[in-house]
Amino acid sequence: MTKLNLCTINWLLTYQDYLDYFYNQINKSNGESSTELEKAKFEFTKLNFQRSSRLEKNFEPAEESKNVISQINNKQQWIIITEIWCGDSAQSIPVIQKLSQLNNNIDFKILFRDSNLDFMDLYLTNGGRSIPKLIVFDENGNEVFQWGPRPLEVQELFTKLKNDGLEKADISKKIHLWYGRNRGKAVEKELIELLKSQIEKN
């Protein structure tokens, strides 16, 4: 368990800051990148903005989620580590943001991984800098729990597809098809289970 030290963090964003940056990056570059890699990253980023916008518009927290989150009586800091080109983040962050809005005790912020590698390296997944990664801290800056980089069910699907030898592009299509059908419910369920567990301990 780690303790939050804001002095080690660069560029901590509100959700609206994040959306503004996301939108501006798409419009600023307009796909005019100098390398194929940069062009591909731009297309990923543009697609991710569409995915995030769709999920933000359509996702509605379940009644159980509203009930559980209403029981958070002390301040919490939710920090999610991401990058705008990350497809899993596009499918998760709008859900997490909507859940955070259910209680004024929750302060939700977004942190870019590549400009905060020291912080990222405190929250590796199997030794890798996988994103998104959500870390929840209590009012004293003590870590409460972590979540990420993706729901267990889709992680199992990813592992199976990879073991089956599918190409990266084909894996991505199947993963996002799963996300599209699930509509954020797996992310919601896992976070609510973590929160319920912490509330019961207290």
N, C-alpha and C. Protein backbone atom coordinates (compact mmCIF):
# COMPACT_ATOMS: atom_id res chain seq x y z
N MET A 1 0.83 -1.19 0.00
CA MET A 1 0.00 0.00 0.00
C MET A 1 0.88 1.26 0.00
N THR A 2 0.55 2.19 -0.86
CA THR A 2 1.32 3.42 -0.97
C THR A 2 0.56 4.59 -0.36
N LYS A 3 1.28 5.66 -0.13
CA LYS A 3 0.68 6.90 0.38
C LYS A 3 0.78 7.96 -0.70
N LEU A 4 -0.29 8.71 -0.89
CA LEU A 4 -0.33 9.71 -1.94
C LEU A 4 0.59 10.88 -1.62
N ASN A 5 1.46 11.21 -2.60
CA ASN A 5 2.35 12.35 -2.48
C ASN A 5 2.17 13.20 -3.74
N LEU A 6 1.38 14.25 -3.62
CA LEU A 6 1.06 15.07 -4.78
C LEU A 6 2.27 15.80 -5.34
N CYS A 7 3.31 15.92 -4.55
CA CYS A 7 4.52 16.61 -5.01
C CYS A 7 5.21 15.84 -6.12
N THR A 8 4.94 14.54 -6.22
CA THR A 8 5.59 13.71 -7.24
C THR A 8 4.80 13.66 -8.54
N ILE A 9 3.68 14.39 -8.60
CA ILE A 9 2.78 14.29 -9.74
C ILE A 9 2.82 15.55 -10.61
N ASN A 10 2.87 15.35 -11.94
CA ASN A 10 2.79 16.44 -12.89
C ASN A 10 1.43 16.42 -13.58
N TRP A 11 0.79 17.61 -13.66
CA TRP A 11 -0.37 17.77 -14.52
C TRP A 11 -1.53 16.87 -14.11
N LEU A 12 -2.10 17.13 -12.96
CA LEU A 12 -3.27 16.41 -12.47
C LEU A 12 -4.51 17.12 -13.01
N LEU A 13 -5.34 16.41 -13.78
CA LEU A 13 -6.44 17.03 -14.51
C LEU A 13 -7.80 16.69 -13.93
N THR A 14 -8.73 17.64 -14.06
CA THR A 14 -10.13 17.32 -13.85
C THR A 14 -10.62 16.57 -15.09
N TYR A 15 -11.80 15.98 -14.97
CA TYR A 15 -12.36 15.26 -16.13
C TYR A 15 -12.59 16.22 -17.29
N GLN A 16 -13.08 17.42 -17.02
CA GLN A 16 -13.31 18.39 -18.08
C GLN A 16 -12.00 18.84 -18.72
N ASP A 17 -10.96 19.04 -17.92
CA ASP A 17 -9.62 19.35 -18.46
C ASP A 17 -9.17 18.26 -19.43
N TYR A 18 -9.39 17.03 -19.00
CA TYR A 18 -9.01 15.86 -19.80
C TYR A 18 -9.75 15.83 -21.13
N LEU A 19 -11.07 16.05 -21.10
CA LEU A 19 -11.86 16.06 -22.33
C LEU A 19 -11.42 17.19 -23.25
N ASP A 20 -11.14 18.36 -22.68
CA ASP A 20 -10.70 19.50 -23.49
C ASP A 20 -9.36 19.19 -24.17
N TYR A 21 -8.45 18.61 -23.41
CA TYR A 21 -7.15 18.24 -23.97
C TYR A 21 -7.32 17.20 -25.09
N PHE A 22 -8.13 16.19 -24.79
CA PHE A 22 -8.45 15.13 -25.75
C PHE A 22 -8.94 15.74 -27.06
N TYR A 23 -9.94 16.59 -26.98
CA TYR A 23 -10.55 17.23 -28.15
C TYR A 23 -9.54 18.10 -28.89
N ASN A 24 -8.78 18.88 -28.15
CA ASN A 24 -7.82 19.79 -28.77
C ASN A 24 -6.71 19.04 -29.50
N GLN A 25 -6.27 17.92 -28.95
CA GLN A 25 -5.22 17.14 -29.59
C GLN A 25 -5.69 16.57 -30.93
N ILE A 26 -6.94 16.15 -30.97
CA ILE A 26 -7.49 15.62 -32.22
C ILE A 26 -7.56 16.72 -33.28
N ASN A 27 -8.04 17.88 -32.88
CA ASN A 27 -8.23 18.96 -33.84
C ASN A 27 -6.92 19.66 -34.22
N LYS A 28 -5.98 19.68 -33.29
CA LYS A 28 -4.71 20.34 -33.56
C LYS A 28 -3.91 19.59 -34.62
N SER A 29 -3.83 18.27 -34.46
CA SER A 29 -3.01 17.49 -35.39
C SER A 29 -3.73 17.22 -36.70
N ASN A 30 -5.08 17.02 -36.61
CA ASN A 30 -5.90 16.78 -37.80
C ASN A 30 -5.37 15.61 -38.65
N GLY A 31 -4.65 14.70 -37.98
CA GLY A 31 -4.15 13.52 -38.68
C GLY A 31 -2.92 13.76 -39.50
N GLU A 32 -2.39 14.97 -39.49
CA GLU A 32 -1.23 15.30 -40.32
C GLU A 32 0.07 15.00 -39.55
N SER A 33 0.39 13.73 -39.42
CA SER A 33 1.58 13.30 -38.68
C SER A 33 2.67 12.89 -39.65
N SER A 34 3.89 12.96 -39.17
CA SER A 34 5.04 12.74 -40.05
C SER A 34 5.37 11.27 -40.25
N THR A 35 4.94 10.40 -39.37
CA THR A 35 5.27 8.98 -39.49
C THR A 35 4.00 8.14 -39.47
N GLU A 36 4.12 6.92 -39.95
CA GLU A 36 2.97 6.00 -39.95
C GLU A 36 2.52 5.71 -38.53
N LEU A 37 3.49 5.60 -37.62
CA LEU A 37 3.15 5.34 -36.22
C LEU A 37 2.32 6.48 -35.64
N GLU A 38 2.72 7.71 -35.93
CA GLU A 38 1.99 8.87 -35.43
C GLU A 38 0.60 8.95 -36.06
N LYS A 39 0.50 8.61 -37.34
CA LYS A 39 -0.81 8.60 -37.99
C LYS A 39 -1.72 7.56 -37.36
N ALA A 40 -1.16 6.39 -37.07
CA ALA A 40 -1.95 5.33 -36.44
C ALA A 40 -2.40 5.75 -35.04
N LYS A 41 -1.50 6.39 -34.31
CA LYS A 41 -1.85 6.85 -32.96
C LYS A 41 -2.95 7.90 -33.01
N PHE A 42 -2.90 8.78 -34.02
CA PHE A 42 -3.94 9.78 -34.18
C PHE A 42 -5.29 9.12 -34.43
N GLU A 43 -5.32 8.10 -35.29
CA GLU A 43 -6.57 7.40 -35.59
C GLU A 43 -7.11 6.70 -34.35
N PHE A 44 -6.21 6.09 -33.55
CA PHE A 44 -6.63 5.47 -32.29
C PHE A 44 -7.25 6.53 -31.37
N THR A 45 -6.60 7.67 -31.30
CA THR A 45 -7.05 8.73 -30.40
C THR A 45 -8.41 9.27 -30.82
N LYS A 46 -8.60 9.48 -32.10
CA LYS A 46 -9.88 9.97 -32.61
C LYS A 46 -10.99 8.96 -32.34
N LEU A 47 -10.70 7.69 -32.57
CA LEU A 47 -11.68 6.64 -32.30
C LEU A 47 -12.00 6.56 -30.82
N ASN A 48 -10.98 6.72 -29.99
CA ASN A 48 -11.20 6.67 -28.55
C ASN A 48 -12.08 7.81 -28.06
N PHE A 49 -11.93 8.98 -28.67
CA PHE A 49 -12.79 10.10 -28.29
C PHE A 49 -14.24 9.77 -28.61
N GLN A 50 -14.48 9.14 -29.74
CA GLN A 50 -15.84 8.73 -30.11
C GLN A 50 -16.38 7.69 -29.14
N ARG A 51 -15.54 6.74 -28.76
CA ARG A 51 -15.97 5.70 -27.81
C ARG A 51 -16.31 6.32 -26.46
N SER A 52 -15.44 7.20 -25.98
CA SER A 52 -15.68 7.85 -24.69
C SER A 52 -16.95 8.67 -24.71
N SER A 53 -17.15 9.42 -25.80
CA SER A 53 -18.32 10.28 -25.91
C SER A 53 -19.60 9.45 -25.91
N ARG A 54 -19.59 8.31 -26.61
CA ARG A 54 -20.76 7.44 -26.67
C ARG A 54 -21.07 6.86 -25.30
N LEU A 55 -20.03 6.41 -24.61
CA LEU A 55 -20.23 5.79 -23.31
C LEU A 55 -20.70 6.82 -22.28
N GLU A 56 -20.11 8.01 -22.35
CA GLU A 56 -20.52 9.07 -21.42
C GLU A 56 -21.99 9.42 -21.62
N LYS A 57 -22.44 9.40 -22.85
CA LYS A 57 -23.83 9.74 -23.16
C LYS A 57 -24.79 8.66 -22.70
N ASN A 58 -24.40 7.38 -22.84
CA ASN A 58 -25.34 6.28 -22.64
C ASN A 58 -25.25 5.56 -21.31
N PHE A 59 -24.12 5.67 -20.60
CA PHE A 59 -23.98 4.91 -19.36
C PHE A 59 -24.75 5.57 -18.21
N GLU A 60 -25.49 4.75 -17.50
CA GLU A 60 -26.24 5.21 -16.33
C GLU A 60 -25.94 4.26 -15.16
N PRO A 61 -25.39 4.75 -14.04
CA PRO A 61 -25.08 3.88 -12.91
C PRO A 61 -26.32 3.14 -12.40
N ALA A 62 -26.12 1.90 -11.98
CA ALA A 62 -27.20 1.09 -11.43
C ALA A 62 -27.60 1.60 -10.05
N GLU A 63 -28.80 1.24 -9.62
CA GLU A 63 -29.28 1.66 -8.31
C GLU A 63 -28.38 1.15 -7.20
N GLU A 64 -27.87 -0.08 -7.35
CA GLU A 64 -26.97 -0.63 -6.33
C GLU A 64 -25.72 0.24 -6.20
N SER A 65 -25.21 0.69 -7.33
CA SER A 65 -24.02 1.53 -7.32
C SER A 65 -24.28 2.84 -6.59
N LYS A 66 -25.42 3.43 -6.86
CA LYS A 66 -25.79 4.68 -6.19
C LYS A 66 -25.88 4.47 -4.68
N ASN A 67 -26.45 3.33 -4.27
CA ASN A 67 -26.60 3.03 -2.86
C ASN A 67 -25.25 2.82 -2.18
N VAL A 68 -24.38 2.05 -2.82
CA VAL A 68 -23.07 1.76 -2.23
C VAL A 68 -22.25 3.04 -2.12
N ILE A 69 -22.19 3.82 -3.18
CA ILE A 69 -21.35 5.02 -3.18
C ILE A 69 -21.89 6.07 -2.22
N SER A 70 -23.19 6.07 -1.98
CA SER A 70 -23.77 7.02 -1.03
C SER A 70 -23.27 6.77 0.39
N GLN A 71 -22.73 5.57 0.64
CA GLN A 71 -22.25 5.21 1.98
C GLN A 71 -20.82 5.65 2.25
N ILE A 72 -20.18 6.29 1.28
CA ILE A 72 -18.82 6.81 1.48
C ILE A 72 -18.94 8.11 2.26
N ASN A 73 -18.55 8.08 3.52
CA ASN A 73 -18.76 9.23 4.40
C ASN A 73 -17.54 10.11 4.59
N ASN A 74 -16.39 9.63 4.13
CA ASN A 74 -15.15 10.41 4.26
C ASN A 74 -14.58 10.72 2.88
N LYS A 75 -13.74 11.75 2.83
CA LYS A 75 -13.15 12.17 1.56
C LYS A 75 -12.30 11.06 0.95
N GLN A 76 -12.42 10.92 -0.36
CA GLN A 76 -11.57 10.00 -1.11
C GLN A 76 -11.01 10.71 -2.33
N GLN A 77 -9.78 10.36 -2.68
CA GLN A 77 -9.15 10.87 -3.91
C GLN A 77 -9.04 9.70 -4.89
N TRP A 78 -9.70 9.83 -6.04
CA TRP A 78 -9.59 8.82 -7.09
C TRP A 78 -8.68 9.38 -8.17
N ILE A 79 -7.58 8.68 -8.44
CA ILE A 79 -6.65 9.10 -9.48
C ILE A 79 -6.52 7.96 -10.49
N ILE A 80 -6.77 8.29 -11.76
CA ILE A 80 -6.63 7.28 -12.80
C ILE A 80 -5.47 7.67 -13.72
N ILE A 81 -4.60 6.71 -13.99
CA ILE A 81 -3.44 6.91 -14.86
C ILE A 81 -3.83 6.44 -16.26
N THR A 82 -3.57 7.27 -17.26
CA THR A 82 -4.03 6.95 -18.61
C THR A 82 -3.19 7.66 -19.67
N GLU A 83 -3.57 7.46 -20.93
CA GLU A 83 -3.14 8.25 -22.08
C GLU A 83 -4.31 8.27 -23.06
N ILE A 84 -4.44 9.33 -23.85
CA ILE A 84 -5.63 9.45 -24.68
C ILE A 84 -5.69 8.44 -25.82
N TRP A 85 -4.56 7.81 -26.17
CA TRP A 85 -4.57 6.81 -27.23
C TRP A 85 -4.95 5.42 -26.73
N CYS A 86 -5.16 5.27 -25.43
CA CYS A 86 -5.42 3.96 -24.84
C CYS A 86 -6.90 3.57 -25.00
N GLY A 87 -7.15 2.48 -25.72
CA GLY A 87 -8.51 2.03 -25.97
C GLY A 87 -9.24 1.57 -24.73
N ASP A 88 -8.56 0.87 -23.84
CA ASP A 88 -9.19 0.42 -22.60
C ASP A 88 -9.62 1.60 -21.74
N SER A 89 -8.82 2.65 -21.75
CA SER A 89 -9.17 3.86 -20.99
C SER A 89 -10.44 4.49 -21.52
N ALA A 90 -10.56 4.55 -22.85
CA ALA A 90 -11.75 5.13 -23.46
C ALA A 90 -13.01 4.40 -23.05
N GLN A 91 -12.88 3.09 -22.77
CA GLN A 91 -14.03 2.28 -22.42
C GLN A 91 -14.28 2.25 -20.90
N SER A 92 -13.40 2.85 -20.13
CA SER A 92 -13.51 2.77 -18.67
C SER A 92 -13.69 4.13 -17.99
N ILE A 93 -12.95 5.13 -18.44
CA ILE A 93 -12.93 6.41 -17.73
C ILE A 93 -14.30 7.08 -17.63
N PRO A 94 -15.14 7.09 -18.69
CA PRO A 94 -16.45 7.71 -18.52
C PRO A 94 -17.30 7.04 -17.44
N VAL A 95 -17.16 5.72 -17.31
CA VAL A 95 -17.89 4.98 -16.27
C VAL A 95 -17.41 5.39 -14.90
N ILE A 96 -16.11 5.42 -14.71
CA ILE A 96 -15.52 5.77 -13.42
C ILE A 96 -15.88 7.20 -13.05
N GLN A 97 -15.85 8.09 -14.04
CA GLN A 97 -16.19 9.49 -13.78
C GLN A 97 -17.64 9.62 -13.31
N LYS A 98 -18.55 8.91 -13.97
CA LYS A 98 -19.97 9.00 -13.58
C LYS A 98 -20.19 8.43 -12.18
N LEU A 99 -19.48 7.36 -11.83
CA LEU A 99 -19.59 6.81 -10.49
C LEU A 99 -19.06 7.81 -9.46
N SER A 100 -17.98 8.48 -9.79
CA SER A 100 -17.38 9.44 -8.85
C SER A 100 -18.32 10.61 -8.58
N GLN A 101 -19.16 10.94 -9.54
CA GLN A 101 -20.08 12.06 -9.39
C GLN A 101 -21.23 11.77 -8.42
N LEU A 102 -21.38 10.54 -8.03
CA LEU A 102 -22.50 10.16 -7.16
C LEU A 102 -22.29 10.58 -5.71
N ASN A 103 -21.09 11.02 -5.36
CA ASN A 103 -20.82 11.41 -3.98
C ASN A 103 -19.82 12.56 -3.95
N ASN A 104 -20.18 13.64 -3.29
CA ASN A 104 -19.30 14.82 -3.22
C ASN A 104 -18.03 14.58 -2.44
N ASN A 105 -17.96 13.46 -1.71
CA ASN A 105 -16.74 13.13 -0.98
C ASN A 105 -15.63 12.61 -1.90
N ILE A 106 -16.00 12.32 -3.14
CA ILE A 106 -15.03 11.75 -4.09
C ILE A 106 -14.47 12.86 -4.98
N ASP A 107 -13.15 12.97 -5.01
CA ASP A 107 -12.46 13.90 -5.89
C ASP A 107 -11.74 13.09 -6.96
N PHE A 108 -12.24 13.15 -8.19
CA PHE A 108 -11.73 12.33 -9.29
C PHE A 108 -10.79 13.15 -10.16
N LYS A 109 -9.58 12.65 -10.35
CA LYS A 109 -8.59 13.33 -11.18
C LYS A 109 -7.93 12.34 -12.14
N ILE A 110 -7.37 12.90 -13.20
CA ILE A 110 -6.75 12.10 -14.26
C ILE A 110 -5.29 12.50 -14.42
N LEU A 111 -4.45 11.49 -14.61
CA LEU A 111 -3.00 11.69 -14.66
C LEU A 111 -2.44 11.00 -15.90
N PHE A 112 -1.64 11.71 -16.68
CA PHE A 112 -1.03 11.09 -17.86
C PHE A 112 0.19 10.27 -17.47
N ARG A 113 0.20 9.04 -17.95
CA ARG A 113 1.26 8.10 -17.59
C ARG A 113 2.65 8.55 -18.00
N ASP A 114 2.81 8.95 -19.26
CA ASP A 114 4.15 9.13 -19.80
C ASP A 114 4.88 10.34 -19.23
N SER A 115 4.16 11.25 -18.59
CA SER A 115 4.81 12.37 -17.92
C SER A 115 4.88 12.16 -16.40
N ASN A 116 4.49 10.94 -15.98
CA ASN A 116 4.50 10.61 -14.54
C ASN A 116 4.94 9.16 -14.32
N LEU A 117 6.05 8.81 -14.95
CA LEU A 117 6.48 7.41 -14.90
C LEU A 117 6.88 6.96 -13.50
N ASP A 118 7.41 7.86 -12.68
CA ASP A 118 7.76 7.48 -11.32
C ASP A 118 6.52 7.06 -10.54
N PHE A 119 5.44 7.81 -10.75
CA PHE A 119 4.17 7.46 -10.09
C PHE A 119 3.60 6.18 -10.70
N MET A 120 3.64 6.06 -12.00
CA MET A 120 3.15 4.87 -12.69
C MET A 120 3.85 3.62 -12.19
N ASP A 121 5.14 3.73 -11.96
CA ASP A 121 5.93 2.56 -11.57
C ASP A 121 5.60 2.04 -10.17
N LEU A 122 4.80 2.79 -9.44
CA LEU A 122 4.31 2.30 -8.15
C LEU A 122 3.11 1.38 -8.32
N TYR A 123 2.55 1.37 -9.54
CA TYR A 123 1.30 0.65 -9.76
C TYR A 123 1.35 -0.21 -11.02
N LEU A 124 2.43 -0.96 -11.14
CA LEU A 124 2.61 -1.83 -12.30
C LEU A 124 1.66 -3.02 -12.24
N THR A 125 1.38 -3.57 -13.42
CA THR A 125 0.58 -4.79 -13.53
C THR A 125 1.45 -5.86 -14.14
N ASN A 126 1.78 -6.87 -13.36
CA ASN A 126 2.68 -7.94 -13.82
C ASN A 126 3.98 -7.37 -14.39
N GLY A 127 4.46 -6.31 -13.74
CA GLY A 127 5.72 -5.70 -14.14
C GLY A 127 5.61 -4.71 -15.29
N GLY A 128 4.40 -4.50 -15.82
CA GLY A 128 4.24 -3.60 -16.96
C GLY A 128 3.45 -2.34 -16.60
N ARG A 129 3.63 -1.31 -17.42
CA ARG A 129 2.96 -0.03 -17.19
C ARG A 129 1.60 0.00 -17.88
N SER A 130 0.77 -0.97 -17.58
CA SER A 130 -0.53 -1.10 -18.22
C SER A 130 -1.50 -0.03 -17.71
N ILE A 131 -2.28 0.50 -18.63
CA ILE A 131 -3.28 1.52 -18.30
C ILE A 131 -4.61 1.15 -18.95
N PRO A 132 -5.69 1.68 -18.36
CA PRO A 132 -5.80 2.61 -17.24
C PRO A 132 -5.56 1.93 -15.91
N LYS A 133 -5.15 2.71 -14.94
CA LYS A 133 -4.97 2.20 -13.58
C LYS A 133 -5.57 3.22 -12.62
N LEU A 134 -6.58 2.78 -11.88
CA LEU A 134 -7.24 3.63 -10.90
C LEU A 134 -6.70 3.31 -9.51
N ILE A 135 -6.30 4.36 -8.78
CA ILE A 135 -5.87 4.20 -7.40
C ILE A 135 -6.75 5.08 -6.54
N VAL A 136 -7.33 4.50 -5.51
CA VAL A 136 -8.21 5.22 -4.59
C VAL A 136 -7.49 5.44 -3.27
N PHE A 137 -7.48 6.69 -2.81
CA PHE A 137 -6.83 7.05 -1.55
C PHE A 137 -7.87 7.58 -0.58
N ASP A 138 -7.61 7.39 0.72
CA ASP A 138 -8.51 7.95 1.72
C ASP A 138 -8.13 9.40 2.02
N GLU A 139 -8.83 10.01 2.98
CA GLU A 139 -8.62 11.43 3.27
C GLU A 139 -7.23 11.73 3.83
N ASN A 140 -6.53 10.71 4.29
CA ASN A 140 -5.17 10.89 4.81
C ASN A 140 -4.10 10.53 3.78
N GLY A 141 -4.54 10.25 2.56
CA GLY A 141 -3.59 9.91 1.50
C GLY A 141 -3.14 8.48 1.50
N ASN A 142 -3.81 7.62 2.28
CA ASN A 142 -3.46 6.21 2.30
C ASN A 142 -4.20 5.47 1.18
N GLU A 143 -3.50 4.58 0.51
CA GLU A 143 -4.12 3.81 -0.57
C GLU A 143 -5.22 2.91 -0.01
N VAL A 144 -6.38 2.96 -0.66
CA VAL A 144 -7.51 2.11 -0.27
C VAL A 144 -7.57 0.86 -1.14
N PHE A 145 -7.52 1.07 -2.47
CA PHE A 145 -7.44 -0.06 -3.39
C PHE A 145 -7.02 0.43 -4.76
N GLN A 146 -6.69 -0.54 -5.64
CA GLN A 146 -6.35 -0.27 -7.03
C GLN A 146 -7.31 -1.03 -7.93
N TRP A 147 -7.50 -0.52 -9.13
CA TRP A 147 -8.26 -1.25 -10.15
C TRP A 147 -7.62 -1.01 -11.50
N GLY A 148 -7.67 -2.04 -12.36
CA GLY A 148 -7.19 -1.90 -13.73
C GLY A 148 -6.18 -2.98 -14.08
N PRO A 149 -5.80 -3.00 -15.35
CA PRO A 149 -6.11 -2.03 -16.41
C PRO A 149 -7.43 -2.30 -17.17
N ARG A 150 -8.05 -3.46 -16.94
CA ARG A 150 -9.32 -3.75 -17.61
C ARG A 150 -10.10 -4.76 -16.78
N PRO A 151 -11.40 -4.89 -17.03
CA PRO A 151 -12.19 -5.88 -16.28
C PRO A 151 -11.65 -7.29 -16.47
N LEU A 152 -11.84 -8.13 -15.46
CA LEU A 152 -11.31 -9.49 -15.49
C LEU A 152 -11.79 -10.26 -16.71
N GLU A 153 -13.06 -10.14 -17.04
CA GLU A 153 -13.61 -10.90 -18.16
C GLU A 153 -12.93 -10.54 -19.48
N VAL A 154 -12.70 -9.26 -19.70
CA VAL A 154 -12.06 -8.86 -20.95
C VAL A 154 -10.57 -9.17 -20.92
N GLN A 155 -9.97 -9.19 -19.73
CA GLN A 155 -8.56 -9.59 -19.63
C GLN A 155 -8.41 -11.06 -19.99
N GLU A 156 -9.36 -11.87 -19.54
CA GLU A 156 -9.33 -13.30 -19.89
C GLU A 156 -9.54 -13.50 -21.38
N LEU A 157 -10.42 -12.69 -21.97
CA LEU A 157 -10.64 -12.76 -23.42
C LEU A 157 -9.37 -12.36 -24.16
N PHE A 158 -8.72 -11.30 -23.71
CA PHE A 158 -7.48 -10.84 -24.33
C PHE A 158 -6.42 -11.95 -24.30
N THR A 159 -6.26 -12.58 -23.14
CA THR A 159 -5.27 -13.64 -22.99
C THR A 159 -5.56 -14.81 -23.91
N LYS A 160 -6.83 -15.19 -24.01
CA LYS A 160 -7.22 -16.29 -24.88
C LYS A 160 -6.94 -15.97 -26.34
N LEU A 161 -7.32 -14.78 -26.77
CA LEU A 161 -7.11 -14.40 -28.16
C LEU A 161 -5.63 -14.33 -28.51
N LYS A 162 -4.85 -13.84 -27.55
CA LYS A 162 -3.40 -13.76 -27.76
C LYS A 162 -2.79 -15.16 -27.86
N ASN A 163 -3.24 -16.06 -26.98
CA ASN A 163 -2.74 -17.43 -27.01
C ASN A 163 -3.17 -18.18 -28.26
N ASP A 164 -4.31 -17.74 -28.84
CA ASP A 164 -4.79 -18.35 -30.08
C ASP A 164 -4.01 -17.86 -31.30
N GLY A 165 -3.16 -16.87 -31.08
CA GLY A 165 -2.30 -16.40 -32.16
C GLY A 165 -2.90 -15.33 -33.04
N LEU A 166 -3.96 -14.67 -32.58
CA LEU A 166 -4.56 -13.61 -33.38
C LEU A 166 -3.64 -12.41 -33.47
N GLU A 167 -3.74 -11.70 -34.60
CA GLU A 167 -2.99 -10.47 -34.78
C GLU A 167 -3.52 -9.39 -33.84
N LYS A 168 -2.66 -8.42 -33.53
CA LYS A 168 -3.03 -7.36 -32.58
C LYS A 168 -4.29 -6.62 -33.02
N ALA A 169 -4.41 -6.31 -34.30
CA ALA A 169 -5.57 -5.57 -34.81
C ALA A 169 -6.85 -6.37 -34.63
N ASP A 170 -6.78 -7.68 -34.85
CA ASP A 170 -7.95 -8.53 -34.70
C ASP A 170 -8.35 -8.67 -33.23
N ILE A 171 -7.35 -8.74 -32.36
CA ILE A 171 -7.63 -8.79 -30.92
C ILE A 171 -8.34 -7.52 -30.49
N SER A 172 -7.83 -6.37 -30.96
CA SER A 172 -8.42 -5.10 -30.59
C SER A 172 -9.88 -5.01 -31.03
N LYS A 173 -10.19 -5.49 -32.24
CA LYS A 173 -11.57 -5.45 -32.72
C LYS A 173 -12.49 -6.27 -31.83
N LYS A 174 -12.05 -7.46 -31.45
CA LYS A 174 -12.88 -8.33 -30.62
C LYS A 174 -13.02 -7.76 -29.20
N ILE A 175 -11.96 -7.17 -28.70
CA ILE A 175 -12.00 -6.57 -27.35
C ILE A 175 -13.00 -5.41 -27.34
N HIS A 176 -12.97 -4.57 -28.34
CA HIS A 176 -13.87 -3.41 -28.36
C HIS A 176 -15.30 -3.80 -28.70
N LEU A 177 -15.47 -4.90 -29.42
CA LEU A 177 -16.81 -5.43 -29.63
C LEU A 177 -17.39 -5.87 -28.28
N TRP A 178 -16.56 -6.51 -27.47
CA TRP A 178 -17.00 -6.93 -26.12
C TRP A 178 -17.37 -5.70 -25.29
N TYR A 179 -16.51 -4.71 -25.29
CA TYR A 179 -16.79 -3.48 -24.54
C TYR A 179 -18.11 -2.85 -25.01
N GLY A 180 -18.30 -2.81 -26.31
CA GLY A 180 -19.50 -2.19 -26.86
C GLY A 180 -20.76 -2.88 -26.40
N ARG A 181 -20.72 -4.20 -26.31
CA ARG A 181 -21.88 -4.96 -25.87
C ARG A 181 -22.08 -4.84 -24.36
N ASN A 182 -21.00 -4.73 -23.63
CA ASN A 182 -21.07 -4.70 -22.17
C ASN A 182 -21.52 -3.33 -21.63
N ARG A 183 -21.19 -2.27 -22.36
CA ARG A 183 -21.63 -0.91 -22.05
C ARG A 183 -21.23 -0.43 -20.64
N GLY A 184 -20.04 -0.80 -20.23
CA GLY A 184 -19.49 -0.27 -18.99
C GLY A 184 -19.90 -1.00 -17.74
N LYS A 185 -20.75 -2.01 -17.85
CA LYS A 185 -21.28 -2.67 -16.67
C LYS A 185 -20.23 -3.49 -15.92
N ALA A 186 -19.27 -4.06 -16.62
CA ALA A 186 -18.23 -4.85 -15.95
C ALA A 186 -17.32 -3.95 -15.12
N VAL A 187 -16.95 -2.81 -15.68
CA VAL A 187 -16.13 -1.84 -14.93
C VAL A 187 -16.88 -1.42 -13.68
N GLU A 188 -18.15 -1.07 -13.86
CA GLU A 188 -18.99 -0.64 -12.73
C GLU A 188 -19.06 -1.72 -11.66
N LYS A 189 -19.35 -2.94 -12.06
CA LYS A 189 -19.50 -4.04 -11.10
C LYS A 189 -18.24 -4.27 -10.28
N GLU A 190 -17.09 -4.28 -10.95
CA GLU A 190 -15.84 -4.54 -10.24
C GLU A 190 -15.52 -3.42 -9.25
N LEU A 191 -15.74 -2.18 -9.65
CA LEU A 191 -15.46 -1.06 -8.75
C LEU A 191 -16.40 -1.07 -7.55
N ILE A 192 -17.66 -1.38 -7.79
CA ILE A 192 -18.63 -1.41 -6.69
C ILE A 192 -18.30 -2.53 -5.71
N GLU A 193 -17.85 -3.66 -6.21
CA GLU A 193 -17.44 -4.75 -5.32
C GLU A 193 -16.25 -4.34 -4.45
N LEU A 194 -15.31 -3.63 -5.02
CA LEU A 194 -14.15 -3.14 -4.25
C LEU A 194 -14.60 -2.14 -3.19
N LEU A 195 -15.49 -1.25 -3.57
CA LEU A 195 -15.99 -0.25 -2.63
C LEU A 195 -16.80 -0.89 -1.50
N LYS A 196 -17.62 -1.86 -1.84
CA LYS A 196 -18.43 -2.59 -0.84
C LYS A 196 -17.51 -3.27 0.17
N SER A 197 -16.45 -3.86 -0.33
CA SER A 197 -15.51 -4.55 0.55
C SER A 197 -14.87 -3.59 1.53
N GLN A 198 -14.51 -2.39 1.08
CA GLN A 198 -13.89 -1.40 1.96
C GLN A 198 -14.91 -0.84 2.96
N ILE A 199 -16.12 -0.62 2.51
CA ILE A 199 -17.16 -0.10 3.42
C ILE A 199 -17.45 -1.11 4.52
N GLU A 200 -17.49 -2.38 4.16
CA GLU A 200 -17.75 -3.42 5.16
C GLU A 200 -16.64 -3.51 6.19
N LYS A 201 -15.40 -3.26 5.77
CA LYS A 201 -14.26 -3.30 6.69
C LYS A 201 -14.37 -2.17 7.71
N ASN A 202 -14.92 -1.05 7.29
CA ASN A 202 -15.01 0.12 8.15
C ASN A 202 -16.28 0.11 8.99
